[in-house]
C-alpha atoms as a PDB file:
ATOM      1  CA  MET A   1     -13.026   8.328   4.519  1.00  0.00           C
ATOM      2  CA  ARG A   2     -16.073   6.734   3.009  1.00  0.00           C
ATOM      3  CA  ALA A   3     -13.937   4.366   1.007  1.00  0.00           C
ATOM      4  CA  VAL A   4     -12.419   3.269   4.267  1.00  0.00           C
ATOM      5  CA  ALA A   5     -15.958   2.841   5.934  1.00  0.00           C
ATOM      6  CA  ALA A   6     -17.190   0.956   2.849  1.00  0.00           C
ATOM      7  CA  ASP A   7     -14.157  -1.589   3.236  1.00  0.00           C
ATOM      8  CA  LEU A   8     -14.992  -2.059   7.018  1.00  0.00           C
ATOM      9  CA  GLU A   9     -18.444  -3.044   6.229  1.00  0.00           C
ATOM     10  CA  SER A  10     -17.134  -5.975   4.549  1.00  0.00           C
ATOM     11  CA  THR A  11     -15.675  -7.192   7.504  1.00  0.00           C
ATOM     12  CA  ASP A  12     -17.518 -10.441   8.711  1.00  0.00           C
ATOM     13  CA  GLY A  13     -19.794  -9.405  11.550  1.00  0.00           C
ATOM     14  CA  VAL A  14     -19.807  -5.684  10.583  1.00  0.00           C
ATOM     15  CA  SER A  15     -23.192  -4.443   9.355  1.00  0.00           C
ATOM     16  CA  ASP A  16     -22.358  -0.779   9.135  1.00  0.00           C
ATOM     17  CA  ALA A  17     -19.375   1.646   9.512  1.00  0.00           C
ATOM     18  CA  GLN A  18     -18.602   5.187   9.845  1.00  0.00           C
ATOM     19  CA  VAL A  19     -15.336   6.961  10.037  1.00  0.00           C
ATOM     20  CA  ILE A  20     -14.937  10.876  11.051  1.00  0.00           C
ATOM     21  CA  LEU A  21     -11.590  12.307  10.772  1.00  0.00           C
ATOM     22  CA  ARG A  22     -10.300  14.570  13.544  1.00  0.00           C
ATOM     23  CA  GLY A  23      -6.755  16.123  14.053  1.00  0.00           C
ATOM     24  CA  THR A  24      -4.496  17.763  11.679  1.00  0.00           C
ATOM     25  CA  ALA A  25      -3.244  16.918   8.379  1.00  0.00           C
ATOM     26  CA  ARG A  26       0.054  16.027   9.646  1.00  0.00           C
ATOM     27  CA  SER A  27      -1.492  14.266  12.618  1.00  0.00           C
ATOM     28  CA  PRO A  28      -4.681  12.609  11.390  1.00  0.00           C
ATOM     29  CA  GLU A  29      -6.916  10.841  14.093  1.00  0.00           C
ATOM     30  CA  PRO A  30      -9.868   8.898  12.563  1.00  0.00           C
ATOM     31  CA  LEU A  31     -12.762   8.194  14.856  1.00  0.00           C
ATOM     32  CA  ILE A  32     -14.135   4.833  13.597  1.00  0.00           C
ATOM     33  CA  HIS A  33     -17.762   3.384  14.687  1.00  0.00           C
ATOM     34  CA  VAL A  34     -18.849  -0.140  13.492  1.00  0.00           C
ATOM     35  CA  ASP A  35     -22.107  -2.042  14.473  1.00  0.00           C
ATOM     36  CA  ALA A  36     -21.485  -5.586  14.861  1.00  0.00           C
ATOM     37  CA  ASP A  37     -24.049  -8.449  14.943  1.00  0.00           C
ATOM     38  CA  GLU A  38     -24.541  -9.539  18.601  1.00  0.00           C
ATOM     39  CA  ARG A  39     -23.318 -13.046  17.474  1.00  0.00           C
ATOM     40  CA  ALA A  40     -20.137 -12.020  16.013  1.00  0.00           C
ATOM     41  CA  ASP A  41     -16.676 -12.606  17.717  1.00  0.00           C
ATOM     42  CA  LEU A  42     -16.216  -9.116  19.015  1.00  0.00           C
ATOM     43  CA  ASP A  43     -12.349  -9.826  19.707  1.00  0.00           C
ATOM     44  CA  THR A  44     -12.091 -10.758  16.026  1.00  0.00           C
ATOM     45  CA  VAL A  45     -14.078  -7.769  14.563  1.00  0.00           C
ATOM     46  CA  ILE A  46     -12.111  -5.257  16.735  1.00  0.00           C
ATOM     47  CA  ALA A  47      -8.803  -6.746  15.607  1.00  0.00           C
ATOM     48  CA  GLU A  48      -9.780  -6.561  12.152  1.00  0.00           C
ATOM     49  CA  VAL A  49     -11.422  -3.185  11.879  1.00  0.00           C
ATOM     50  CA  ALA A  50      -8.472  -2.048  13.939  1.00  0.00           C
ATOM     51  CA  GLU A  51      -5.807  -3.430  11.545  1.00  0.00           C
ATOM     52  CA  ARG A  52      -7.609  -2.758   8.258  1.00  0.00           C
ATOM     53  CA  ALA A  53      -8.927   0.703   9.173  1.00  0.00           C
ATOM     54  CA  ALA A  54      -5.264   2.032  10.410  1.00  0.00           C
ATOM     55  CA  GLY A  55      -3.628   0.646   7.285  1.00  0.00           C
ATOM     56  CA  ASN A  56      -6.361   1.996   4.770  1.00  0.00           C
ATOM     57  CA  ALA A  57      -6.921   5.435   6.264  1.00  0.00           C
ATOM     58  CA  SER A  58      -2.942   5.821   6.627  1.00  0.00           C
ATOM     59  CA  VAL A  59      -2.690   5.089   2.985  1.00  0.00           C
ATOM     60  CA  ALA A  60      -5.650   7.314   2.036  1.00  0.00           C
ATOM     61  CA  LEU A  61      -4.414  10.400   3.753  1.00  0.00           C
ATOM     62  CA  GLY A  62      -0.887  10.056   2.955  1.00  0.00           C
ATOM     63  CA  ALA A  63       0.386  10.320   6.464  1.00  0.00           C
ATOM     64  CA  PRO A  64       0.868   8.316   9.599  1.00  0.00           C
ATOM     65  CA  LEU A  65      -1.932   8.166  12.228  1.00  0.00           C
ATOM     66  CA  SER A  66      -1.420   9.760  15.361  1.00  0.00           C
ATOM     67  CA  ALA A  67      -4.245   7.665  17.213  1.00  0.00           C
ATOM     68  CA  VAL A  68      -7.320   5.866  16.119  1.00  0.00           C
ATOM     69  CA  ALA A  69     -10.456   5.616  18.300  1.00  0.00           C
ATOM     70  CA  LEU A  70     -12.655   2.614  17.682  1.00  0.00           C
ATOM     71  CA  GLU A  71     -16.322   2.549  18.835  1.00  0.00           C
ATOM     72  CA  VAL A  72     -18.309  -0.747  18.500  1.00  0.00           C
ATOM     73  CA  GLY A  73     -21.914  -0.802  18.631  1.00  0.00           C
ATOM     74  CA  VAL A  74     -23.576  -4.371  19.187  1.00  0.00           C
ATOM     75  CA  ALA A  75     -26.623  -4.610  16.919  1.00  0.00           C
ATOM     76  CA  ARG A  76     -29.204  -6.689  18.778  1.00  0.00           C
ATOM     77  CA  THR A  77     -32.582  -8.058  18.047  1.00  0.00           C
ATOM     78  CA  ARG A  78     -35.281  -5.213  17.452  1.00  0.00           C
ATOM     79  CA  SER A  79     -36.875  -5.968  20.817  1.00  0.00           C
ATOM     80  CA  ARG A  80     -33.672  -5.413  22.696  1.00  0.00           C
ATOM     81  CA  ARG A  81     -31.654  -2.260  23.040  1.00  0.00           C
ATOM     82  CA  GLN A  82     -28.155  -1.519  21.387  1.00  0.00           C
ATOM     83  CA  ARG A  83     -25.049  -1.607  23.476  1.00  0.00           C
ATOM     84  CA  SER A  84     -21.869   0.194  22.325  1.00  0.00           C
ATOM     85  CA  VAL A  85     -18.104  -0.552  23.637  1.00  0.00           C
ATOM     86  CA  SER A  86     -15.347   2.040  22.998  1.00  0.00           C
ATOM     87  CA  VAL A  87     -11.573   0.912  22.548  1.00  0.00           C
ATOM     88  CA  GLN A  88      -9.041   3.721  22.261  1.00  0.00           C
END
């Protein structure tokens, strides 16, 4: 899943990505966490990450995904705290 995370890191506005695999071999469920820049268009980031991750993970695993969980952390300036948004 590191290759999927590396691909997601090339998405505009994404600074870091991690993919954890849950579920079974027949029914994989990736959990994806990305850190996005606070100035990024989050709708675009979410749409691109969901589309790319689902396709790439399914191909890498050789099985259709039963679910994909996406968590987006918003990276803010150092003096401000980080926020997270979860989409399932």
